[in-house]
Amino acid sequence: MTHRLTEANLLEVWEGGLGGTAAARSLLLASLAAPAGEDVADLPLSTLNSLLLELRRGAFGDALPCTTDCPACGDSLDVSVAAAELRPPPGSTEGGVDGLLPVTATLTTGGVTVTFRALTGGDVRAVDPAAPRARRTLLRRCVVDVSPPPADDVPDEILEHVAGRLAELDPGADTVVALTCPQCAHRWEAALDVADQVWAEVCGYAHRLMHEVHSLARAYGWSEADVLAISPQRRQFYLEASAG
């Protein structure tokens, strides 16, 4: 890996993601863990998730703390998920950080043969989720070829068949966590948006870091660069000393 998330670049990354869409932030974060020159927008979603998990592991550790509510009894659960549990199986997709585009597949329905590929981060970024028929627009981007060509556009029912095959084409595109409620023993799978999780942690750390910069600048007259040049352990000492 040629890049990683550190205190030295975290504020810049946080500032760069402000005002952007969730999809744009996902690509921004994934690019930090990708080899130099890799266009992460062309990678399938499972590969992006793997990059995000690697970035998160290097910056904040392997365990992801999550909070959710049991859909059966409403009890709140605090769980910790290891990054390894969320990674797709090795070799489950032909895309990846080696620069290959997502593998294609075909299906035949109603006498029509459709060739399609997995969704990429660039696809998600290009489609406004609030736009009319956003789901159709996103699925249409997956279609590589239709034979025989339709008179108009690809019918919705064919696109729904494509949607039903995307999970097997790109395992790991959707990350889920298997949970059991300790109160009522209900079992279910909860979706986890890795990009949102990492971005929330980046925001939290950025805010804490800026508060530290503010406190030490006020106490000692240091610049932001001066504060960030100090290790977290020494910085904590100066924070405690200035508060006392």
Protein backbone atom coordinates (compact mmCIF):
# COMPACT_ATOMS: atom_id res chain seq x y z
CA MET A 1 0.00 0.00 0.00
CA THR A 2 1.36 3.36 -0.91
CA HIS A 3 -0.98 5.50 1.17
CA ARG A 4 -2.61 5.36 4.57
CA LEU A 5 -4.60 7.49 6.93
CA THR A 6 -2.44 9.31 9.49
CA GLU A 7 -2.74 12.33 11.73
CA ALA A 8 -0.62 14.20 9.22
CA ASN A 9 -3.19 13.82 6.42
CA LEU A 10 -6.42 13.15 8.30
CA LEU A 11 -7.51 16.78 8.50
CA GLU A 12 -6.86 17.23 4.79
CA VAL A 13 -8.86 14.09 3.99
CA TRP A 14 -11.71 15.22 6.27
CA GLU A 15 -11.79 18.67 4.67
CA GLY A 16 -11.70 17.15 1.19
CA GLY A 17 -14.72 14.99 1.95
CA LEU A 18 -16.88 17.76 3.37
CA GLY A 19 -19.76 18.71 1.10
CA GLY A 20 -19.29 15.65 -1.09
CA THR A 21 -21.72 12.81 -1.59
CA ALA A 22 -21.40 9.55 0.32
CA ALA A 23 -20.20 7.82 -2.87
CA ALA A 24 -17.55 10.49 -3.48
CA ARG A 25 -16.30 10.16 0.11
CA SER A 26 -16.11 6.40 -0.29
CA LEU A 27 -13.84 6.77 -3.33
CA LEU A 28 -11.75 9.42 -1.58
CA LEU A 29 -11.11 7.13 1.38
CA ALA A 30 -10.52 4.01 -0.74
CA SER A 31 -7.94 5.86 -2.84
CA LEU A 32 -5.78 6.23 0.28
CA ALA A 33 -5.40 2.46 0.54
CA ALA A 34 -5.00 1.76 -3.19
CA PRO A 35 -1.68 1.55 -5.06
CA ALA A 36 -0.46 4.77 -6.62
CA GLY A 37 -2.23 5.54 -9.88
CA GLU A 38 -5.13 3.14 -9.27
CA ASP A 39 -8.49 4.55 -10.40
CA VAL A 40 -10.66 3.22 -7.62
CA ALA A 41 -13.82 4.38 -9.41
CA ASP A 42 -13.40 1.43 -11.80
CA LEU A 43 -13.25 -1.16 -9.03
CA PRO A 44 -16.21 -3.34 -8.00
CA LEU A 45 -17.90 -2.51 -4.72
CA SER A 46 -16.49 -5.53 -2.87
CA THR A 47 -12.95 -4.42 -3.69
CA LEU A 48 -13.73 -0.89 -2.51
CA ASN A 49 -15.03 -2.33 0.75
CA SER A 50 -11.81 -4.33 1.16
CA LEU A 51 -9.73 -1.19 0.63
CA LEU A 52 -11.86 0.72 3.14
CA LEU A 53 -11.50 -2.03 5.71
CA GLU A 54 -7.74 -2.10 5.22
CA LEU A 55 -7.60 1.67 5.61
CA ARG A 56 -9.74 1.50 8.73
CA ARG A 57 -7.66 -1.31 10.25
CA GLY A 58 -4.44 0.66 9.80
CA ALA A 59 -5.86 3.87 11.26
CA PHE A 60 -8.26 2.75 13.99
CA GLY A 61 -7.68 -0.97 14.54
CA ASP A 62 -9.41 -4.17 13.45
CA ALA A 63 -12.56 -4.00 15.59
CA LEU A 64 -15.46 -1.86 14.33
CA PRO A 65 -17.82 -0.78 17.14
CA CYS A 66 -21.45 -0.74 15.99
CA THR A 67 -24.79 0.04 17.59
CA THR A 68 -28.16 -1.21 16.38
CA ASP A 69 -31.64 -2.09 17.66
CA CYS A 70 -33.18 -5.53 17.68
CA PRO A 71 -36.07 -5.56 15.17
CA ALA A 72 -38.00 -7.99 17.37
CA CYS A 73 -37.87 -6.47 20.86
CA GLY A 74 -36.27 -3.07 20.23
CA ASP A 75 -33.40 -3.66 22.63
CA SER A 76 -30.23 -1.69 21.79
CA LEU A 77 -27.12 -3.71 21.00
CA ASP A 78 -23.50 -2.58 21.12
CA VAL A 79 -21.39 -4.99 19.10
CA SER A 80 -17.82 -5.11 17.87
CA VAL A 81 -17.18 -6.56 14.42
CA ALA A 82 -13.76 -7.66 13.23
CA ALA A 83 -12.79 -6.34 9.81
CA ALA A 84 -11.93 -9.88 8.71
CA GLU A 85 -15.58 -10.89 9.16
CA LEU A 86 -16.67 -8.31 6.58
CA ARG A 87 -14.12 -9.02 3.86
CA PRO A 88 -15.33 -11.02 0.82
CA PRO A 89 -13.76 -14.46 0.32
CA PRO A 90 -10.44 -14.36 -1.56
CA GLY A 91 -10.93 -14.76 -5.29
CA SER A 92 -14.66 -14.05 -5.10
CA THR A 93 -14.41 -11.34 -7.74
CA GLU A 94 -12.21 -10.77 -10.74
CA GLY A 95 -11.89 -7.05 -10.03
CA GLY A 96 -9.40 -5.69 -7.59
CA VAL A 97 -6.39 -3.58 -7.03
CA ASP A 98 -4.62 -5.28 -9.91
CA GLY A 99 -6.47 -2.91 -12.26
CA LEU A 100 -8.88 -5.45 -13.79
CA LEU A 101 -12.42 -4.32 -14.45
CA PRO A 102 -15.24 -6.34 -12.87
CA VAL A 103 -16.01 -9.69 -14.49
CA THR A 104 -19.12 -9.98 -16.66
CA ALA A 105 -21.91 -12.53 -16.65
CA THR A 106 -24.88 -13.32 -18.88
CA LEU A 107 -28.50 -14.25 -18.34
CA THR A 108 -31.30 -15.13 -20.71
CA THR A 109 -34.90 -14.24 -20.01
CA GLY A 110 -37.88 -13.93 -22.33
CA GLY A 111 -35.71 -14.71 -25.34
CA VAL A 112 -33.30 -11.86 -24.54
CA THR A 113 -29.66 -12.43 -23.57
CA VAL A 114 -28.10 -9.78 -21.39
CA THR A 115 -24.41 -9.37 -20.61
CA PHE A 116 -23.79 -7.37 -17.46
CA ARG A 117 -21.03 -6.50 -15.02
CA ALA A 118 -20.77 -5.73 -11.34
CA LEU A 119 -21.45 -2.27 -10.03
CA THR A 120 -18.44 -0.03 -9.47
CA GLY A 121 -17.84 2.91 -7.19
CA GLY A 122 -17.96 5.15 -10.24
CA ASP A 123 -21.46 3.89 -11.05
CA VAL A 124 -22.72 4.74 -7.58
CA ARG A 125 -21.06 8.16 -7.66
CA ALA A 126 -22.64 8.96 -11.04
CA VAL A 127 -26.23 8.35 -9.92
CA ASP A 128 -28.08 10.68 -7.60
CA PRO A 129 -30.02 8.40 -5.22
CA ALA A 130 -32.71 11.07 -4.89
CA ALA A 131 -33.26 11.35 -8.65
CA PRO A 132 -36.38 9.82 -10.27
CA ARG A 133 -35.83 6.17 -11.17
CA ALA A 134 -32.35 6.20 -9.66
CA ARG A 135 -32.42 2.42 -9.18
CA ARG A 136 -33.14 1.85 -12.86
CA THR A 137 -30.39 4.27 -13.87
CA LEU A 138 -27.90 2.46 -11.67
CA LEU A 139 -28.86 -0.99 -12.95
CA ARG A 140 -28.76 0.21 -16.55
CA ARG A 141 -25.09 1.11 -16.11
CA CYS A 142 -24.35 -2.56 -15.42
CA VAL A 143 -25.67 -3.71 -18.79
CA VAL A 144 -22.88 -4.28 -21.31
CA ASP A 145 -24.85 -5.85 -24.16
CA VAL A 146 -28.40 -6.95 -25.01
CA SER A 147 -29.19 -9.45 -27.75
CA PRO A 148 -31.37 -8.99 -29.67
CA PRO A 149 -31.17 -5.21 -29.12
CA PRO A 150 -34.40 -3.79 -27.66
CA ALA A 151 -36.51 -1.47 -29.79
CA ASP A 152 -36.44 1.16 -27.05
CA ASP A 153 -34.41 0.60 -23.88
CA VAL A 154 -33.83 -2.38 -21.62
CA PRO A 155 -37.18 -3.24 -19.98
CA ASP A 156 -37.47 -2.85 -16.20
CA GLU A 157 -38.21 -6.56 -15.72
CA ILE A 158 -34.90 -7.51 -17.34
CA LEU A 159 -33.03 -5.03 -15.18
CA GLU A 160 -34.62 -6.58 -12.11
CA HIS A 161 -33.29 -9.97 -13.24
CA VAL A 162 -29.87 -8.37 -13.47
CA ALA A 163 -30.29 -6.95 -9.98
CA GLY A 164 -31.00 -10.44 -8.68
CA ARG A 165 -27.68 -11.69 -10.04
CA LEU A 166 -25.39 -8.90 -8.84
CA ALA A 167 -24.80 -10.41 -5.40
CA GLU A 168 -23.40 -13.64 -6.84
CA LEU A 169 -21.32 -11.73 -9.38
CA ASP A 170 -19.69 -9.56 -6.71
CA PRO A 171 -19.87 -11.15 -3.24
CA GLY A 172 -19.03 -8.59 -0.61
CA ALA A 173 -20.58 -5.64 -2.41
CA ASP A 174 -23.11 -5.48 0.42
CA THR A 175 -21.65 -6.02 3.87
CA VAL A 176 -23.90 -7.59 6.49
CA VAL A 177 -23.37 -8.64 10.09
CA ALA A 178 -25.07 -11.67 11.62
CA LEU A 179 -26.52 -10.70 15.00
CA THR A 180 -28.31 -12.39 17.89
CA CYS A 181 -30.24 -10.35 20.45
CA PRO A 182 -29.13 -11.26 24.00
CA GLN A 183 -32.57 -10.31 25.37
CA CYS A 184 -34.94 -12.22 23.09
CA ALA A 185 -32.54 -14.46 21.11
CA HIS A 186 -33.83 -13.10 17.79
CA ARG A 187 -31.39 -13.67 14.91
CA TRP A 188 -31.07 -11.37 11.91
CA GLU A 189 -28.60 -9.82 9.49
CA ALA A 190 -27.93 -6.08 9.69
CA ALA A 191 -26.46 -4.10 6.82
CA LEU A 192 -23.24 -2.21 7.54
CA ASP A 193 -22.11 0.64 5.30
CA VAL A 194 -18.33 0.41 5.61
CA ALA A 195 -17.72 3.78 3.95
CA ASP A 196 -20.15 5.56 6.29
CA GLN A 197 -18.56 3.85 9.29
CA VAL A 198 -15.03 4.90 8.32
CA TRP A 199 -16.13 8.44 7.43
CA ALA A 200 -17.86 8.84 10.82
CA GLU A 201 -14.64 7.81 12.56
CA VAL A 202 -12.59 10.20 10.41
CA CYS A 203 -14.97 13.04 11.34
CA GLY A 204 -14.82 12.18 15.03
CA TYR A 205 -11.04 12.03 15.06
CA ALA A 206 -10.74 15.25 13.03
CA HIS A 207 -12.95 17.13 15.50
CA ARG A 208 -10.98 15.84 18.49
CA LEU A 209 -7.73 16.76 16.78
CA MET A 210 -8.88 20.28 16.01
CA HIS A 211 -10.00 20.76 19.62
CA GLU A 212 -6.53 19.70 20.72
CA VAL A 213 -4.95 22.14 18.28
CA HIS A 214 -7.21 24.91 19.59
CA SER A 215 -6.42 24.18 23.24
CA LEU A 216 -2.64 23.98 22.75
CA ALA A 217 -2.54 26.99 20.45
CA ARG A 218 -4.34 29.03 23.09
CA ALA A 219 -2.14 27.72 25.90
CA TYR A 220 1.27 27.86 24.22
CA GLY A 221 0.84 29.90 21.06
CA TRP A 222 1.71 26.93 18.85
CA SER A 223 0.60 26.69 15.22
CA GLU A 224 -1.45 23.81 13.88
CA ALA A 225 1.68 22.34 12.29
CA ASP A 226 3.51 22.60 15.64
CA VAL A 227 0.74 20.70 17.43
CA LEU A 228 0.43 17.98 14.80
CA ALA A 229 4.20 17.44 14.85
CA ILE A 230 3.92 16.30 18.48
CA SER A 231 3.11 12.65 19.16
CA PRO A 232 -0.37 11.92 20.60
CA GLN A 233 1.20 10.76 23.89
CA ARG A 234 3.22 13.97 24.38
CA ARG A 235 0.28 16.06 23.19
CA GLN A 236 -1.92 14.51 25.87
CA PHE A 237 0.65 15.47 28.51
CA TYR A 238 0.65 19.11 27.36
CA LEU A 239 -3.16 19.14 27.29
CA GLU A 240 -3.32 17.91 30.88
CA ALA A 241 -0.57 20.29 31.98
CA SER A 242 -2.24 23.31 30.42
CA ALA A 243 -5.58 22.36 31.96
CA GLY A 244 -4.09 22.10 35.42
